[in-house]
Amino acid sequence: MAMLTALAFNALFVQLAGVWAYPPLSESGLVDRIASIVNLLDASEPASRSHLTQAVSDGGVTVAWYATRQGIEVPVVDDPEYHQDSEGLRRLLKAPEARIEAYQPSDWPGPGGRYALLLQLSDGSWLMFSSASRSWGLEEGPRNLIVMLLVLMSAGLVALLATRRLARPLQQFAQGARRFGVDFRAPPIEPVGPHEIRQAILAFNAMQAQLQHFIKDRTQMLAAISHDLRTPLTRMRLRGEFIEDPEQQQRLFRDVDEMQAMINSALEFFRDDARLEQATPLDLAELVQTLIDDYRDQAIDIAFSGPPRLVYSGRPLGLRRVMSNLLDNAIKYGGEPEIVLEQGAQQLTLRVLDRGPGIAADCLEQVFEPFFRLEQSRNKSTGGVGLGLSSARAIVREHGGQLTLHNREGGGLEARVTLPV
């Protein structure tokens, strides 16, 4: 559509340039005066026609009378017969068989061409009407340059409008896709724009609905399984009361308690209320200070480095849970816990540091797997079941960010959270 519009503008400007430079004879103003003059001279005496033609001539149109056709100087053309609007002129003259010849400025050899119209009167004599050619008053070169500039301006305008019409729905599409990456419960994108973009948006909305349905079904199924496992565990504990061997009984109870802890953590993970809250503007620096004050009440000092105020749009409960999990790990398994908050142009970074033993390089990603626990610094005796980091990374990713672990120089671990601004 944009290409057709640009071509239409180009044709319009070219036609306009041609008409203004050499308009057709019917648009030159010459035909409008012919009928009345011809009727007047045709009714007059031949002897007075020369004086009458001088009287009706003016600066725009010159009229000359010739007794015969041989005395008229006109260029030689293949078809001098006047065809355009000739029927209307003949009706005005009431002479349907009258001979009429027409000449354009381009018919004349060399410069100085003009419009000329020859018309035969009833007695066989001829009248010649002529007027100077019209143009912009410019030479051909500047005139063509103006036409080219008009064509380029029209093409640029059409391209700009087409680009804006195409870019706006693409921008909305991209924003909707980013919104879904941050919040999987985001509403579908409104299908607007050209047909191809609307089809892409509809396909994306269908994919989004399928993913939402899949996540909901999976979460409900896993939560139901974890919930239903409580019943056989309760029966196992009741049956364990009848075991006479105290050592075997304690081993069974430890296994039941561990499985119960894993189920409770799984239920908390699958039914995480932090994932159900809506994103809202919050002061991330104040949230960190609140956590530090809570730990200080437990006689745990945490160093903080960062701006006194940092506004971010996110889920307060989820972000608080992420920082609490990382700080708990730094306190339990490390030492000298510290939080560093940094703000950049495109993202903000939250780093939780400690001076513990760190993690083997090949396990830095493996610790994010559900129920994975390290056998050395982070073991079963701590009470963890291996879902804390998985839950924290899931919450961070729902914010469109990333959670990674890095060993520090000199010993210790760095948990780095990056969130898009």
Protein backbone atom coordinates (compact mmCIF):
# COMPACT_ATOMS: atom_id res chain seq x y z
CA MET A 1 0.00 0.00 0.00
CA ALA A 2 2.80 2.40 0.87
CA MET A 3 4.58 1.62 -2.41
CA LEU A 4 1.41 2.24 -4.39
CA THR A 5 0.89 5.55 -2.60
CA ALA A 6 4.47 6.62 -3.33
CA LEU A 7 4.08 5.70 -6.99
CA ALA A 8 0.81 7.65 -7.15
CA PHE A 9 2.53 10.73 -5.73
CA ASN A 10 5.38 10.36 -8.20
CA ALA A 11 2.97 10.12 -11.13
CA LEU A 12 1.06 13.13 -9.83
CA PHE A 13 4.16 15.31 -9.59
CA VAL A 14 5.43 14.25 -13.00
CA GLN A 15 2.04 14.96 -14.52
CA LEU A 16 1.85 18.29 -12.71
CA ALA A 17 5.26 19.29 -13.98
CA GLY A 18 4.28 18.38 -17.53
CA VAL A 19 0.96 20.22 -17.37
CA TRP A 20 2.49 23.34 -15.87
CA ALA A 21 5.32 23.32 -18.37
CA TYR A 22 3.18 22.57 -21.44
CA PRO A 23 -0.51 22.23 -20.51
CA PRO A 24 -2.85 20.73 -23.14
CA LEU A 25 -4.50 23.09 -25.57
CA SER A 26 -7.88 22.61 -23.93
CA GLU A 27 -6.35 23.92 -20.66
CA SER A 28 -4.45 26.81 -22.19
CA GLY A 29 -7.41 29.26 -22.09
CA LEU A 30 -7.50 29.51 -25.87
CA VAL A 31 -10.54 27.38 -26.65
CA ASP A 32 -12.82 29.29 -24.26
CA ARG A 33 -12.77 32.44 -26.43
CA ILE A 34 -12.91 30.86 -29.85
CA ALA A 35 -16.63 30.25 -30.32
CA SER A 36 -17.81 33.78 -29.83
CA ILE A 37 -15.01 35.26 -31.96
CA VAL A 38 -15.57 32.78 -34.81
CA ASN A 39 -19.30 33.44 -34.92
CA LEU A 40 -18.68 37.18 -34.97
CA LEU A 41 -16.12 37.09 -37.79
CA ASP A 42 -18.07 34.53 -39.83
CA ALA A 43 -21.05 36.91 -39.90
CA SER A 44 -18.96 39.96 -40.86
CA GLU A 45 -17.84 41.12 -44.29
CA PRO A 46 -14.50 39.69 -45.52
CA ALA A 47 -13.14 43.22 -46.01
CA SER A 48 -13.54 44.09 -42.35
CA ARG A 49 -12.23 40.87 -40.86
CA SER A 50 -8.61 42.02 -40.71
CA HIS A 51 -9.59 45.04 -38.62
CA LEU A 52 -11.85 42.92 -36.41
CA THR A 53 -9.12 40.37 -35.71
CA GLN A 54 -6.80 43.17 -34.58
CA ALA A 55 -9.56 44.47 -32.30
CA VAL A 56 -10.23 41.13 -30.60
CA SER A 57 -6.53 40.27 -30.19
CA ASP A 58 -4.87 41.03 -26.87
CA GLY A 59 -1.66 40.19 -25.02
CA GLY A 60 -2.79 36.64 -24.29
CA VAL A 61 -4.38 35.54 -27.58
CA THR A 62 -3.56 36.73 -31.11
CA VAL A 63 -6.19 36.34 -33.88
CA ALA A 64 -5.32 36.50 -37.59
CA TRP A 65 -7.53 36.10 -40.70
CA TYR A 66 -6.29 34.45 -43.92
CA ALA A 67 -8.17 34.26 -47.20
CA THR A 68 -6.53 30.95 -48.09
CA ARG A 69 -4.76 28.13 -46.29
CA GLN A 70 -1.51 28.61 -48.23
CA GLY A 71 -0.57 31.80 -46.44
CA ILE A 72 -0.49 30.37 -42.97
CA GLU A 73 2.91 29.42 -41.55
CA VAL A 74 2.53 26.41 -39.26
CA PRO A 75 4.79 23.41 -38.63
CA VAL A 76 4.39 20.23 -40.62
CA VAL A 77 2.91 17.45 -38.47
CA ASP A 78 1.50 14.04 -39.25
CA ASP A 79 -2.01 14.76 -37.98
CA PRO A 80 -2.87 18.46 -37.48
CA GLU A 81 -6.56 17.70 -36.95
CA TYR A 82 -7.84 18.93 -33.56
CA HIS A 83 -9.36 15.94 -31.74
CA GLN A 84 -9.47 16.90 -28.06
CA ASP A 85 -12.84 18.52 -27.23
CA SER A 86 -13.40 19.24 -30.91
CA GLU A 87 -16.99 18.03 -30.80
CA GLY A 88 -17.86 20.55 -28.12
CA LEU A 89 -16.26 23.37 -30.09
CA ARG A 90 -18.09 22.35 -33.27
CA ARG A 91 -21.39 22.36 -31.42
CA LEU A 92 -20.72 25.89 -30.22
CA LEU A 93 -19.88 26.92 -33.79
CA LYS A 94 -22.92 25.10 -35.15
CA ALA A 95 -20.63 23.70 -37.83
CA PRO A 96 -20.13 19.96 -37.27
CA GLU A 97 -18.11 19.60 -40.47
CA ALA A 98 -15.76 22.53 -39.87
CA ARG A 99 -12.06 21.84 -40.31
CA ILE A 100 -10.04 22.53 -37.19
CA GLU A 101 -6.28 22.11 -36.80
CA ALA A 102 -4.31 22.37 -33.58
CA TYR A 103 -0.59 22.76 -32.84
CA GLN A 104 1.26 22.40 -29.52
CA PRO A 105 4.47 24.26 -28.51
CA SER A 106 6.39 21.01 -28.97
CA ASP A 107 5.33 20.84 -32.65
CA TRP A 108 7.33 23.93 -33.56
CA PRO A 109 11.01 23.55 -34.49
CA GLY A 110 13.42 25.22 -32.09
CA PRO A 111 12.54 27.43 -29.13
CA GLY A 112 9.64 29.86 -29.08
CA GLY A 113 6.89 27.33 -29.82
CA ARG A 114 3.31 28.41 -29.18
CA TYR A 115 -0.25 27.16 -29.21
CA ALA A 116 -2.08 27.59 -32.48
CA LEU A 117 -5.63 26.73 -33.55
CA LEU A 118 -6.73 27.01 -37.19
CA LEU A 119 -10.42 27.03 -38.04
CA GLN A 120 -12.04 27.27 -41.48
CA LEU A 121 -14.98 29.64 -41.86
CA SER A 122 -18.05 28.94 -43.95
CA ASP A 123 -16.71 30.89 -46.95
CA GLY A 124 -13.45 28.91 -47.03
CA SER A 125 -11.24 31.51 -45.33
CA TRP A 126 -9.26 30.69 -42.20
CA LEU A 127 -8.85 32.09 -38.71
CA MET A 128 -5.71 31.45 -36.67
CA PHE A 129 -5.73 31.74 -32.88
CA SER A 130 -2.36 31.61 -31.16
CA SER A 131 -0.98 32.17 -27.68
CA ALA A 132 2.41 31.83 -26.06
CA SER A 133 3.32 28.55 -24.29
CA ARG A 134 3.03 28.36 -20.52
CA SER A 135 5.76 27.20 -18.14
CA TRP A 136 6.94 27.76 -14.62
CA GLY A 137 9.19 30.54 -15.71
CA LEU A 138 12.17 28.20 -15.10
CA GLU A 139 14.50 26.35 -17.37
CA GLU A 140 14.09 22.62 -17.81
CA GLY A 141 16.97 21.76 -15.45
CA PRO A 142 15.71 23.67 -12.38
CA ARG A 143 12.17 22.54 -13.12
CA ASN A 144 13.24 18.88 -13.16
CA LEU A 145 15.18 19.42 -9.94
CA ILE A 146 12.05 20.74 -8.23
CA VAL A 147 10.09 17.72 -9.45
CA MET A 148 12.77 15.37 -8.10
CA LEU A 149 12.72 17.13 -4.71
CA LEU A 150 8.94 16.85 -4.56
CA VAL A 151 9.14 13.16 -5.45
CA LEU A 152 11.79 12.52 -2.77
CA MET A 153 9.77 14.43 -0.17
CA SER A 154 6.62 12.49 -0.97
CA ALA A 155 8.48 9.17 -0.90
CA GLY A 156 10.08 10.07 2.44
CA LEU A 157 6.73 11.11 3.91
CA VAL A 158 5.05 7.90 2.76
CA ALA A 159 7.95 5.82 4.07
CA LEU A 160 7.81 7.62 7.44
CA LEU A 161 4.08 7.06 7.80
CA ALA A 162 4.39 3.42 6.74
CA THR A 163 7.29 2.86 9.14
CA ARG A 164 5.41 4.41 12.05
CA ARG A 165 2.33 2.36 11.22
CA LEU A 166 4.46 -0.77 11.20
CA ALA A 167 6.72 0.11 14.14
CA ARG A 168 3.96 0.93 16.63
CA PRO A 169 2.36 -2.54 16.67
CA LEU A 170 5.82 -4.13 16.65
CA GLN A 171 6.74 -2.05 19.69
CA GLN A 172 3.54 -3.09 21.46
CA PHE A 173 4.30 -6.70 20.52
CA ALA A 174 7.80 -6.45 21.99
CA GLN A 175 6.49 -4.82 25.19
CA GLY A 176 3.89 -7.55 25.57
CA ALA A 177 6.52 -10.25 25.08
CA ARG A 178 8.78 -8.63 27.69
CA ARG A 179 5.83 -8.28 30.06
CA PHE A 180 5.08 -11.99 29.71
CA GLY A 181 8.73 -12.76 30.42
CA VAL A 182 8.42 -10.88 33.73
CA ASP A 183 4.89 -11.98 34.64
CA PHE A 184 3.54 -15.22 33.18
CA ARG A 185 0.03 -14.12 34.20
CA ALA A 186 0.24 -11.05 31.97
CA PRO A 187 -2.86 -10.36 29.84
CA PRO A 188 -2.79 -11.20 26.11
CA ILE A 189 -1.53 -8.62 23.63
CA GLU A 190 -4.09 -6.69 21.62
CA PRO A 191 -3.82 -7.74 17.95
CA VAL A 192 -3.26 -4.50 16.02
CA GLY A 193 -1.30 -3.50 12.94
CA PRO A 194 -0.90 -5.12 9.52
CA HIS A 195 -2.27 -8.58 8.85
CA GLU A 196 1.08 -10.35 9.27
CA ILE A 197 1.76 -8.70 12.64
CA ARG A 198 -1.77 -9.46 13.85
CA GLN A 199 -1.27 -13.11 12.95
CA ALA A 200 2.04 -13.16 14.86
CA ILE A 201 0.37 -11.55 17.91
CA LEU A 202 -2.48 -14.05 17.81
CA ALA A 203 0.02 -16.92 17.62
CA PHE A 204 1.95 -15.46 20.56
CA ASN A 205 -1.26 -15.07 22.59
CA ALA A 206 -2.15 -18.70 21.86
CA MET A 207 1.33 -19.82 22.96
CA GLN A 208 1.05 -17.67 26.11
CA ALA A 209 -2.33 -19.21 26.98
CA GLN A 210 -0.94 -22.71 26.49
CA LEU A 211 2.06 -21.98 28.71
CA GLN A 212 -0.15 -20.49 31.42
CA HIS A 213 -2.41 -23.53 31.29
CA PHE A 214 0.59 -25.88 31.40
CA ILE A 215 2.18 -24.10 34.37
CA LYS A 216 -1.09 -24.04 36.25
CA ASP A 217 -1.77 -27.75 35.65
CA ARG A 218 1.78 -28.75 36.54
CA THR A 219 1.77 -26.70 39.73
CA GLN A 220 -1.58 -28.11 40.82
CA MET A 221 -0.52 -31.66 40.04
CA LEU A 222 2.80 -31.45 41.90
CA ALA A 223 1.19 -29.71 44.86
CA ALA A 224 -1.48 -32.39 45.01
CA ILE A 225 1.15 -35.15 44.91
CA SER A 226 3.15 -33.49 47.68
CA HIS A 227 0.01 -33.04 49.74
CA ASP A 228 -1.12 -36.62 49.28
CA LEU A 229 2.26 -37.95 50.42
CA ARG A 230 1.55 -36.69 53.93
CA THR A 231 -0.97 -39.44 54.57
CA PRO A 232 1.40 -42.43 54.12
CA LEU A 233 4.09 -40.57 56.08
CA THR A 234 1.68 -40.17 58.96
CA ARG A 235 0.89 -43.88 58.82
CA MET A 236 4.61 -44.68 58.80
CA ARG A 237 5.14 -42.60 61.94
CA LEU A 238 2.22 -44.32 63.68
CA ARG A 239 3.55 -47.75 62.78
CA GLY A 240 7.01 -46.70 63.92
CA GLU A 241 5.64 -46.25 67.43
CA PHE A 242 5.23 -50.03 67.63
CA ILE A 243 8.88 -50.76 66.76
CA GLU A 244 10.57 -52.11 69.86
CA ASP A 245 14.14 -51.40 68.74
CA PRO A 246 14.81 -47.75 69.76
CA GLU A 247 17.69 -47.33 67.29
CA GLN A 248 15.66 -48.54 64.32
CA GLN A 249 12.75 -46.44 65.49
CA GLN A 250 14.88 -43.26 65.58
CA ARG A 251 16.26 -43.98 62.11
CA LEU A 252 12.75 -44.38 60.76
CA PHE A 253 11.58 -41.18 62.46
CA ARG A 254 14.56 -39.25 61.04
CA ASP A 255 13.70 -40.45 57.52
CA VAL A 256 10.03 -39.58 58.02
CA ASP A 257 10.93 -36.12 59.37
CA GLU A 258 13.26 -35.50 56.44
CA MET A 259 10.61 -36.54 53.94
CA GLN A 260 8.07 -34.38 55.76
CA ALA A 261 10.42 -31.39 55.55
CA MET A 262 10.94 -32.00 51.85
CA ILE A 263 7.18 -32.20 51.26
CA ASN A 264 6.56 -29.00 53.23
CA SER A 265 9.25 -27.21 51.26
CA ALA A 266 7.84 -28.53 48.00
CA LEU A 267 4.35 -27.33 48.91
CA GLU A 268 5.76 -23.93 49.81
CA PHE A 269 7.65 -23.88 46.52
CA PHE A 270 4.67 -24.85 44.36
CA ARG A 271 2.18 -22.68 46.21
CA ASP A 272 4.46 -19.71 46.53
CA ASP A 273 2.34 -16.68 47.44
CA ALA A 274 5.19 -14.43 46.29
CA ARG A 275 4.46 -15.41 42.72
CA LEU A 276 0.82 -14.37 42.99
CA GLU A 277 1.38 -10.78 44.09
CA GLN A 278 1.28 -7.94 41.58
CA ALA A 279 4.33 -5.87 40.67
CA THR A 280 4.40 -2.46 42.35
CA PRO A 281 6.98 0.35 42.73
CA LEU A 282 9.08 -0.14 45.86
CA ASP A 283 12.23 1.23 47.46
CA LEU A 284 14.66 -1.65 47.11
CA ALA A 285 17.29 0.03 49.31
CA GLU A 286 14.75 0.44 52.12
CA LEU A 287 13.72 -3.22 51.74
CA VAL A 288 17.36 -4.26 52.17
CA GLN A 289 17.71 -2.02 55.25
CA THR A 290 14.59 -3.60 56.76
CA LEU A 291 16.11 -7.07 56.34
CA ILE A 292 19.39 -5.92 57.87
CA ASP A 293 17.50 -4.51 60.87
CA ASP A 294 15.68 -7.85 61.31
CA TYR A 295 18.99 -9.71 61.39
CA ARG A 296 20.47 -7.11 63.75
CA ASP A 297 17.67 -7.92 66.19
CA GLN A 298 19.05 -11.49 66.13
CA ALA A 299 22.56 -10.19 66.93
CA ILE A 300 23.72 -10.70 63.35
CA ASP A 301 25.50 -7.77 61.70
CA ILE A 302 25.35 -7.45 57.92
CA ALA A 303 27.37 -4.80 56.07
CA PHE A 304 25.56 -2.77 53.40
CA SER A 305 26.89 -0.72 50.51
CA GLY A 306 24.57 1.09 48.10
CA PRO A 307 22.40 4.15 47.48
CA PRO A 308 20.04 5.29 50.27
CA ARG A 309 17.09 5.13 47.87
CA LEU A 310 16.46 3.01 44.79
CA VAL A 311 12.95 2.77 43.31
CA TYR A 312 12.18 -0.44 41.43
CA SER A 313 8.96 -1.95 40.12
CA GLY A 314 8.69 -5.53 41.36
CA ARG A 315 7.05 -7.88 43.85
CA PRO A 316 8.12 -6.93 47.39
CA LEU A 317 7.31 -10.30 48.98
CA GLY A 318 9.18 -12.24 46.31
CA LEU A 319 12.27 -10.01 46.40
CA ARG A 320 12.32 -10.15 50.19
CA ARG A 321 12.23 -13.94 50.04
CA VAL A 322 15.14 -13.99 47.56
CA MET A 323 17.32 -11.77 49.73
CA SER A 324 16.38 -13.67 52.91
CA ASN A 325 17.34 -16.97 51.31
CA LEU A 326 20.69 -15.67 50.08
CA LEU A 327 21.47 -14.01 53.41
CA ASP A 328 20.54 -17.16 55.33
CA ASN A 329 22.95 -19.15 53.18
CA ALA A 330 25.70 -16.56 53.65
CA ILE A 331 25.20 -16.62 57.44
CA LYS A 332 24.93 -20.42 57.79
CA TYR A 333 27.69 -21.49 55.46
CA GLY A 334 29.97 -18.49 55.23
CA GLY A 335 30.91 -15.57 57.37
CA GLU A 336 31.12 -11.79 57.23
CA PRO A 337 27.85 -11.42 55.26
CA GLU A 338 27.57 -8.31 53.15
CA ILE A 339 25.04 -6.81 50.70
CA VAL A 340 26.08 -4.54 47.81
CA LEU A 341 23.38 -2.72 45.81
CA GLU A 342 24.37 -1.05 42.52
CA GLN A 343 22.25 0.81 39.96
CA GLY A 344 23.16 0.98 36.25
CA ALA A 345 21.59 2.50 33.18
CA GLN A 346 19.94 -0.72 31.99
CA GLN A 347 19.91 -2.91 35.10
CA LEU A 348 20.49 -2.98 38.84
CA THR A 349 22.69 -5.48 40.62
CA LEU A 350 22.30 -6.94 44.11
CA ARG A 351 25.26 -8.91 45.45
CA VAL A 352 25.26 -11.01 48.63
CA LEU A 353 28.83 -11.78 49.73
CA ASP A 354 30.37 -14.06 52.33
CA ARG A 355 33.78 -15.42 53.29
CA GLY A 356 32.89 -19.09 53.52
CA PRO A 357 34.46 -22.07 51.75
CA GLY A 358 32.69 -21.31 48.48
CA ILE A 359 31.40 -23.91 46.01
CA ALA A 360 33.23 -26.12 43.56
CA ALA A 361 33.16 -24.64 40.07
CA ASP A 362 31.33 -27.62 38.59
CA CYS A 363 28.53 -27.23 41.16
CA LEU A 364 27.83 -23.51 40.76
CA GLU A 365 24.88 -24.28 38.48
CA GLN A 366 23.96 -27.66 39.91
CA VAL A 367 23.00 -26.15 43.29
CA PHE A 368 20.00 -24.48 41.60
CA GLU A 369 18.46 -27.86 40.80
CA PRO A 370 15.55 -28.77 43.10
CA PHE A 371 16.49 -30.97 46.11
CA PHE A 372 20.21 -30.81 45.29
CA ARG A 373 22.42 -30.40 48.36
CA LEU A 374 26.17 -30.25 48.70
CA GLU A 375 27.70 -32.94 50.86
CA GLN A 376 30.32 -30.75 52.51
CA SER A 377 29.58 -27.17 53.46
CA ARG A 378 25.86 -27.47 52.87
CA ASN A 379 24.64 -30.85 54.11
CA LYS A 380 21.53 -32.48 55.52
CA SER A 381 22.32 -31.51 59.13
CA THR A 382 21.55 -27.88 58.35
CA GLY A 383 17.87 -28.69 57.81
CA GLY A 384 17.72 -27.58 54.18
CA VAL A 385 16.13 -29.68 51.47
CA GLY A 386 17.61 -27.99 48.41
CA LEU A 387 14.71 -25.82 47.25
CA GLY A 388 15.82 -22.41 48.52
CA LEU A 389 18.06 -21.45 45.60
CA SER A 390 15.64 -22.98 43.07
CA SER A 391 12.81 -20.85 44.45
CA ALA A 392 15.01 -17.74 44.56
CA ARG A 393 16.14 -18.14 40.95
CA ALA A 394 12.53 -18.76 39.83
CA ILE A 395 11.40 -15.51 41.49
CA VAL A 396 14.30 -13.54 39.99
CA ARG A 397 13.61 -14.91 36.52
CA GLU A 398 9.95 -13.97 36.85
CA HIS A 399 11.20 -10.41 37.30
CA GLY A 400 13.12 -10.73 34.03
CA GLY A 401 16.46 -10.99 35.83
CA GLN A 402 19.09 -13.62 36.59
CA LEU A 403 20.62 -15.16 39.71
CA THR A 404 24.15 -16.57 39.49
CA LEU A 405 26.82 -17.72 41.94
CA HIS A 406 30.54 -16.86 41.75
CA ASN A 407 33.48 -17.80 43.91
CA ARG A 408 35.33 -14.77 45.30
CA GLU A 409 39.03 -14.17 45.21
CA GLY A 410 40.48 -14.86 48.63
CA GLY A 411 37.65 -17.24 49.53
CA GLY A 412 33.94 -16.89 49.82
CA LEU A 413 30.91 -16.84 47.60
CA GLU A 414 29.07 -14.10 45.72
CA ALA A 415 25.36 -14.48 44.90
CA ARG A 416 24.67 -11.96 42.14
CA VAL A 417 21.11 -10.86 41.28
CA THR A 418 20.67 -8.70 38.16
CA LEU A 419 17.27 -7.11 37.48
CA PRO A 420 16.32 -5.08 34.39
CA VAL A 421 15.41 -1.44 35.01
